[in-house]
Structures are given as structure tokens and as C-alpha cells.
């Protein structure tokens, strides 16, 4: 993990698109939890709701976040864990990139079940 730092993201972390829409992770049953919720991994699907973004008056909301999980060397269920510093991009339904998400909170408390 040399040169890699950041806090683990839980599937319940507060993440938004750059326009203020809320990104939430699909539920998962990982064996590793942060604050009672599964650790977020590259296998989680993050869906954005409430994005108000428009281009020339036409609604073009963010609908999903795609994470490029770096090589942290840490996996859960074979998928790389996500850190609050992991690279990501928000996309429209037409797969147009709209900018990186904003991670508002990440937790450090980890428990193994």
C-alpha cells in the first residue's frame, strides 16, 4: 500500500455528484463493516438521485458513479475497497462524464463479522 492513503468508504458514506445529487450504493452483504454498514468496493453500484444539472436548458442529470478503485492491496470479497481518495466519475444516462463525485464523509472504524 505504499503511497496510498485515505479513509475506507462505507456503503452508507455521504457522496454527491458535483451538482448536488445524492449518490447511494446498492446494498451488499460484505463481511467487513464500517459503522454497521458494508465496506464499499469497486463491485458496488452507486446510483445518483436528485441531480439538477442542465445543459442549455435540457436536463442532463448524473445517474451513476463509476469508481476506478486503485491498487490498495485490500479487497473484500475479491473486489478492491474504495477510499475517500479513490478516483471516480459521475455519468449521465447516456454515459457522458459530468465530473468527479464529492465525498462528504468516510469512516475509520472497522469491524469484521
N, C-alpha and C. Protein backbone atom coordinates (compact mmCIF):
# COMPACT_ATOMS: atom_id res chain seq x y z
N UNK A 1 0.82 -1.19 0.00
CA UNK A 1 0.00 0.00 0.00
C UNK A 1 0.86 1.25 0.00
N UNK A 2 2.04 1.16 -0.39
CA UNK A 2 2.95 2.29 -0.40
C UNK A 2 2.39 3.43 -1.24
N UNK A 3 2.37 4.64 -0.64
CA UNK A 3 1.93 5.82 -1.36
C UNK A 3 0.43 5.98 -1.47
N UNK A 4 -0.35 5.07 -0.90
CA UNK A 4 -1.80 5.15 -0.97
C UNK A 4 -2.34 5.51 0.40
N UNK A 5 -3.18 6.54 0.45
CA UNK A 5 -3.77 6.90 1.73
C UNK A 5 -5.21 7.34 1.52
N UNK A 6 -5.96 7.28 2.58
CA UNK A 6 -7.35 7.69 2.55
C UNK A 6 -8.13 6.88 3.55
N UNK A 7 -9.36 7.26 3.78
CA UNK A 7 -10.24 6.54 4.68
C UNK A 7 -11.12 5.60 3.88
N UNK A 8 -11.44 4.44 4.49
CA UNK A 8 -12.35 3.50 3.85
C UNK A 8 -13.72 4.12 3.69
N UNK A 9 -14.36 3.83 2.57
CA UNK A 9 -15.74 4.27 2.37
C UNK A 9 -16.68 3.15 2.78
N UNK A 10 -17.68 3.50 3.51
CA UNK A 10 -18.75 2.56 3.80
C UNK A 10 -19.82 2.72 2.73
N UNK A 11 -20.61 1.69 2.51
CA UNK A 11 -21.68 1.77 1.52
C UNK A 11 -22.66 2.88 1.87
N UNK A 12 -22.66 3.34 3.11
CA UNK A 12 -23.55 4.41 3.53
C UNK A 12 -22.89 5.78 3.57
N UNK A 13 -21.68 5.91 3.03
CA UNK A 13 -20.98 7.20 3.05
C UNK A 13 -21.79 8.26 2.32
N UNK A 14 -21.66 9.49 2.76
CA UNK A 14 -22.35 10.60 2.12
C UNK A 14 -21.52 11.05 0.92
N UNK A 15 -22.04 10.74 -0.27
CA UNK A 15 -21.37 11.06 -1.54
C UNK A 15 -22.38 11.79 -2.41
N UNK A 16 -21.93 12.82 -3.13
CA UNK A 16 -22.82 13.52 -4.04
C UNK A 16 -22.14 13.73 -5.37
N UNK A 17 -22.96 14.01 -6.39
CA UNK A 17 -22.40 14.37 -7.68
C UNK A 17 -21.94 15.83 -7.57
N UNK A 18 -21.20 16.35 -8.55
CA UNK A 18 -20.71 17.73 -8.44
C UNK A 18 -21.81 18.78 -8.46
N UNK A 19 -23.05 18.36 -8.78
CA UNK A 19 -24.17 19.30 -8.87
C UNK A 19 -25.10 19.20 -7.66
N UNK A 20 -24.78 18.31 -6.73
CA UNK A 20 -25.56 18.20 -5.51
C UNK A 20 -26.49 17.01 -5.41
N UNK A 21 -26.57 16.18 -6.44
CA UNK A 21 -27.38 14.97 -6.36
C UNK A 21 -26.75 13.98 -5.39
N UNK A 22 -27.56 13.17 -4.75
CA UNK A 22 -27.06 12.21 -3.75
C UNK A 22 -26.74 10.87 -4.41
N UNK A 23 -25.54 10.36 -4.13
CA UNK A 23 -25.13 9.05 -4.65
C UNK A 23 -25.21 8.03 -3.53
N UNK A 24 -25.89 6.93 -3.78
CA UNK A 24 -26.02 5.87 -2.79
C UNK A 24 -25.59 4.55 -3.40
N UNK A 25 -25.00 3.71 -2.56
CA UNK A 25 -24.53 2.41 -3.00
C UNK A 25 -25.64 1.38 -2.86
N UNK A 26 -25.70 0.47 -3.81
CA UNK A 26 -26.64 -0.65 -3.70
C UNK A 26 -26.23 -1.49 -2.50
N UNK A 27 -27.20 -2.06 -1.83
CA UNK A 27 -26.92 -2.88 -0.64
C UNK A 27 -26.04 -4.07 -1.01
N UNK A 28 -25.16 -4.40 -0.10
CA UNK A 28 -24.29 -5.55 -0.29
C UNK A 28 -24.08 -6.25 1.03
N UNK A 29 -23.71 -7.49 0.98
CA UNK A 29 -23.56 -8.27 2.20
C UNK A 29 -22.12 -8.58 2.54
N UNK A 30 -21.25 -7.58 2.45
CA UNK A 30 -19.83 -7.80 2.74
C UNK A 30 -19.63 -8.21 4.19
N UNK A 31 -18.60 -9.00 4.43
CA UNK A 31 -18.29 -9.47 5.78
C UNK A 31 -17.57 -8.41 6.60
N UNK A 32 -17.07 -7.37 5.95
CA UNK A 32 -16.37 -6.30 6.65
C UNK A 32 -17.28 -5.08 6.67
N UNK A 33 -17.48 -4.53 7.88
CA UNK A 33 -18.39 -3.41 8.05
C UNK A 33 -17.68 -2.21 8.67
N UNK A 34 -18.19 -1.03 8.33
CA UNK A 34 -17.74 0.23 8.91
C UNK A 34 -18.98 0.87 9.53
N UNK A 35 -18.95 1.07 10.82
CA UNK A 35 -20.09 1.69 11.48
C UNK A 35 -21.39 0.96 11.21
N UNK A 36 -21.34 -0.35 11.05
CA UNK A 36 -22.54 -1.15 10.85
C UNK A 36 -22.97 -1.32 9.40
N UNK A 37 -22.29 -0.67 8.45
CA UNK A 37 -22.63 -0.84 7.03
C UNK A 37 -21.45 -1.48 6.29
N UNK A 38 -21.74 -2.19 5.21
CA UNK A 38 -20.65 -2.85 4.47
C UNK A 38 -19.62 -1.86 3.95
N UNK A 39 -18.37 -2.30 3.87
CA UNK A 39 -17.32 -1.51 3.23
C UNK A 39 -17.66 -1.40 1.75
N UNK A 40 -17.55 -0.21 1.19
CA UNK A 40 -17.82 -0.01 -0.23
C UNK A 40 -16.64 -0.54 -1.05
N UNK A 41 -16.96 -1.25 -2.12
CA UNK A 41 -15.93 -1.80 -3.00
C UNK A 41 -16.22 -1.40 -4.44
N UNK A 42 -15.27 -1.70 -5.30
CA UNK A 42 -15.44 -1.41 -6.73
C UNK A 42 -16.61 -2.20 -7.31
N UNK A 43 -17.08 -3.23 -6.61
CA UNK A 43 -18.21 -4.03 -7.09
C UNK A 43 -19.56 -3.37 -6.79
N UNK A 44 -19.59 -2.38 -5.90
CA UNK A 44 -20.84 -1.70 -5.58
C UNK A 44 -21.27 -0.79 -6.73
N UNK A 45 -22.57 -0.73 -6.95
CA UNK A 45 -23.14 0.20 -7.92
C UNK A 45 -23.64 1.42 -7.15
N UNK A 46 -23.16 2.60 -7.52
CA UNK A 46 -23.61 3.84 -6.90
C UNK A 46 -24.57 4.55 -7.85
N UNK A 47 -25.79 4.80 -7.38
CA UNK A 47 -26.82 5.46 -8.17
C UNK A 47 -27.01 6.88 -7.65
N UNK A 48 -27.14 7.84 -8.57
CA UNK A 48 -27.32 9.25 -8.20
C UNK A 48 -28.79 9.61 -8.39
N UNK A 49 -29.35 10.27 -7.39
CA UNK A 49 -30.72 10.79 -7.49
C UNK A 49 -30.71 12.27 -7.14
N UNK A 50 -31.64 12.99 -7.73
CA UNK A 50 -31.80 14.41 -7.40
C UNK A 50 -30.79 15.35 -8.02
N UNK A 51 -30.09 14.93 -9.06
CA UNK A 51 -29.12 15.83 -9.71
C UNK A 51 -29.89 16.86 -10.55
N UNK A 52 -29.67 18.16 -10.29
CA UNK A 52 -30.40 19.21 -11.01
C UNK A 52 -29.70 19.71 -12.28
N UNK A 53 -28.63 19.08 -12.69
CA UNK A 53 -27.81 19.60 -13.79
C UNK A 53 -28.58 19.70 -15.10
N UNK A 54 -28.40 20.84 -15.80
CA UNK A 54 -28.97 21.04 -17.13
C UNK A 54 -27.89 21.60 -18.05
N UNK A 55 -28.05 21.34 -19.34
CA UNK A 55 -27.17 21.91 -20.35
C UNK A 55 -28.07 22.60 -21.37
N UNK A 56 -27.90 23.89 -21.53
CA UNK A 56 -28.75 24.70 -22.42
C UNK A 56 -30.23 24.47 -22.16
N UNK A 57 -30.61 24.38 -20.89
CA UNK A 57 -32.00 24.21 -20.50
C UNK A 57 -32.52 22.79 -20.57
N UNK A 58 -31.69 21.86 -21.01
CA UNK A 58 -32.10 20.46 -21.12
C UNK A 58 -31.57 19.68 -19.91
N UNK A 59 -32.45 18.99 -19.16
CA UNK A 59 -31.97 18.21 -18.02
C UNK A 59 -30.98 17.13 -18.46
N UNK A 60 -29.81 17.13 -17.81
CA UNK A 60 -28.79 16.10 -18.07
C UNK A 60 -28.22 15.67 -16.72
N UNK A 61 -29.07 15.04 -15.92
CA UNK A 61 -28.63 14.70 -14.57
C UNK A 61 -27.60 13.57 -14.52
N UNK A 62 -26.79 13.60 -13.50
CA UNK A 62 -25.93 12.48 -13.19
C UNK A 62 -26.83 11.34 -12.71
N UNK A 63 -26.55 10.11 -13.13
CA UNK A 63 -27.36 8.98 -12.68
C UNK A 63 -26.54 7.86 -12.06
N UNK A 64 -25.23 7.89 -12.28
CA UNK A 64 -24.38 6.84 -11.72
C UNK A 64 -22.98 7.36 -11.46
N UNK A 65 -22.28 6.68 -10.57
CA UNK A 65 -20.88 6.97 -10.28
C UNK A 65 -20.09 5.72 -10.59
N UNK A 66 -19.03 5.87 -11.35
CA UNK A 66 -18.12 4.76 -11.63
C UNK A 66 -16.79 5.04 -10.94
N UNK A 67 -16.38 4.08 -10.12
CA UNK A 67 -15.14 4.23 -9.35
C UNK A 67 -14.01 3.49 -10.05
N UNK A 68 -12.85 4.09 -10.06
CA UNK A 68 -11.63 3.45 -10.56
C UNK A 68 -10.80 3.10 -9.34
N UNK A 69 -11.18 2.00 -8.70
CA UNK A 69 -10.51 1.61 -7.45
C UNK A 69 -9.04 1.35 -7.74
N UNK A 70 -8.20 2.07 -7.04
CA UNK A 70 -6.77 1.89 -7.19
C UNK A 70 -6.30 0.60 -6.55
N UNK A 71 -5.08 0.32 -6.75
CA UNK A 71 -4.49 -0.89 -6.18
C UNK A 71 -4.07 -0.63 -4.74
N UNK A 72 -5.04 -0.73 -3.83
CA UNK A 72 -4.74 -0.54 -2.41
C UNK A 72 -4.13 -1.79 -1.82
N UNK A 73 -4.34 -2.92 -2.50
CA UNK A 73 -3.88 -4.19 -1.97
C UNK A 73 -4.88 -4.78 -0.99
N UNK A 74 -5.98 -4.06 -0.75
CA UNK A 74 -7.00 -4.52 0.18
C UNK A 74 -8.27 -4.83 -0.60
N UNK A 75 -8.78 -6.03 -0.42
CA UNK A 75 -10.01 -6.42 -1.10
C UNK A 75 -11.02 -6.97 -0.09
N UNK A 76 -12.28 -6.90 -0.45
CA UNK A 76 -13.36 -7.51 0.31
C UNK A 76 -14.15 -8.33 -0.70
N UNK A 77 -14.23 -9.61 -0.49
CA UNK A 77 -14.93 -10.48 -1.43
C UNK A 77 -14.30 -10.46 -2.81
N UNK A 78 -13.00 -10.20 -2.88
CA UNK A 78 -12.28 -10.18 -4.15
C UNK A 78 -12.31 -8.85 -4.88
N UNK A 79 -13.07 -7.87 -4.38
CA UNK A 79 -13.16 -6.56 -5.02
C UNK A 79 -12.35 -5.54 -4.23
N UNK A 80 -11.62 -4.66 -4.92
CA UNK A 80 -10.85 -3.63 -4.22
C UNK A 80 -11.76 -2.71 -3.40
N UNK A 81 -11.32 -2.36 -2.19
CA UNK A 81 -12.08 -1.43 -1.37
C UNK A 81 -11.97 -0.03 -1.95
N UNK A 82 -12.96 0.80 -1.64
CA UNK A 82 -12.94 2.20 -2.07
C UNK A 82 -12.48 3.07 -0.91
N UNK A 83 -11.66 4.03 -1.23
CA UNK A 83 -11.22 5.03 -0.26
C UNK A 83 -11.85 6.37 -0.61
N UNK A 84 -11.85 7.29 0.34
CA UNK A 84 -12.39 8.61 0.04
C UNK A 84 -11.52 9.35 -0.97
N UNK A 85 -10.36 8.81 -1.27
CA UNK A 85 -9.46 9.39 -2.27
C UNK A 85 -9.46 8.64 -3.59
N UNK A 86 -10.30 7.59 -3.71
CA UNK A 86 -10.36 6.80 -4.95
C UNK A 86 -10.90 7.66 -6.09
N UNK A 87 -10.32 7.48 -7.26
CA UNK A 87 -10.78 8.22 -8.44
C UNK A 87 -12.15 7.72 -8.87
N UNK A 88 -12.99 8.65 -9.30
CA UNK A 88 -14.34 8.31 -9.74
C UNK A 88 -14.85 9.37 -10.70
N UNK A 89 -15.92 9.04 -11.39
CA UNK A 89 -16.54 9.96 -12.34
C UNK A 89 -18.05 9.75 -12.29
N UNK A 90 -18.81 10.84 -12.35
CA UNK A 90 -20.26 10.77 -12.44
C UNK A 90 -20.64 10.78 -13.91
N UNK A 91 -21.71 10.05 -14.25
CA UNK A 91 -22.15 9.93 -15.64
C UNK A 91 -23.64 10.15 -15.79
N UNK A 92 -24.04 10.62 -16.97
CA UNK A 92 -25.46 10.73 -17.32
C UNK A 92 -25.95 9.36 -17.78
N UNK A 93 -27.25 9.28 -18.07
CA UNK A 93 -27.82 8.03 -18.59
C UNK A 93 -27.22 7.67 -19.94
N UNK A 94 -26.72 8.68 -20.68
CA UNK A 94 -26.09 8.45 -21.98
C UNK A 94 -24.59 8.22 -21.84
N UNK A 95 -24.12 7.99 -20.61
CA UNK A 95 -22.70 7.73 -20.31
C UNK A 95 -21.78 8.91 -20.61
N UNK A 96 -22.31 10.12 -20.48
CA UNK A 96 -21.49 11.32 -20.64
C UNK A 96 -20.90 11.66 -19.28
N UNK A 97 -19.56 11.80 -19.20
CA UNK A 97 -18.94 12.15 -17.91
C UNK A 97 -19.30 13.57 -17.51
N UNK A 98 -19.58 13.75 -16.19
CA UNK A 98 -20.00 15.06 -15.69
C UNK A 98 -19.14 15.59 -14.55
N UNK A 99 -18.07 14.90 -14.24
CA UNK A 99 -17.19 15.37 -13.18
C UNK A 99 -17.11 14.38 -12.04
N UNK A 100 -16.14 14.59 -11.16
CA UNK A 100 -15.94 13.66 -10.04
C UNK A 100 -16.97 13.87 -8.94
N UNK A 101 -17.30 12.80 -8.22
CA UNK A 101 -18.20 12.95 -7.09
C UNK A 101 -17.48 13.63 -5.93
N UNK A 102 -18.27 14.11 -4.98
CA UNK A 102 -17.75 14.74 -3.77
C UNK A 102 -18.03 13.78 -2.62
N UNK A 103 -16.97 13.38 -1.91
CA UNK A 103 -17.14 12.51 -0.74
C UNK A 103 -17.18 13.41 0.48
N UNK A 104 -18.33 13.43 1.15
CA UNK A 104 -18.53 14.30 2.30
C UNK A 104 -18.14 13.64 3.62
N UNK A 105 -18.21 12.31 3.66
CA UNK A 105 -17.87 11.63 4.90
C UNK A 105 -17.34 10.24 4.62
N UNK A 106 -16.37 9.85 5.41
CA UNK A 106 -15.82 8.50 5.38
C UNK A 106 -15.49 8.15 6.81
N UNK A 107 -15.49 6.87 7.12
CA UNK A 107 -15.27 6.45 8.50
C UNK A 107 -14.03 5.58 8.60
N UNK A 108 -13.48 5.51 9.81
CA UNK A 108 -12.29 4.71 10.06
C UNK A 108 -12.57 3.45 10.86
N UNK A 109 -13.66 3.44 11.62
CA UNK A 109 -13.98 2.30 12.47
C UNK A 109 -14.31 1.09 11.60
N UNK A 110 -13.59 -0.01 11.82
CA UNK A 110 -13.79 -1.22 11.02
C UNK A 110 -14.06 -2.39 11.94
N UNK A 111 -15.04 -3.21 11.57
CA UNK A 111 -15.31 -4.42 12.32
C UNK A 111 -15.48 -5.58 11.34
N UNK A 112 -15.00 -6.76 11.74
CA UNK A 112 -15.11 -7.95 10.89
C UNK A 112 -16.15 -8.86 11.53
N UNK A 113 -17.08 -9.30 10.69
CA UNK A 113 -18.15 -10.18 11.20
C UNK A 113 -18.04 -11.56 10.61
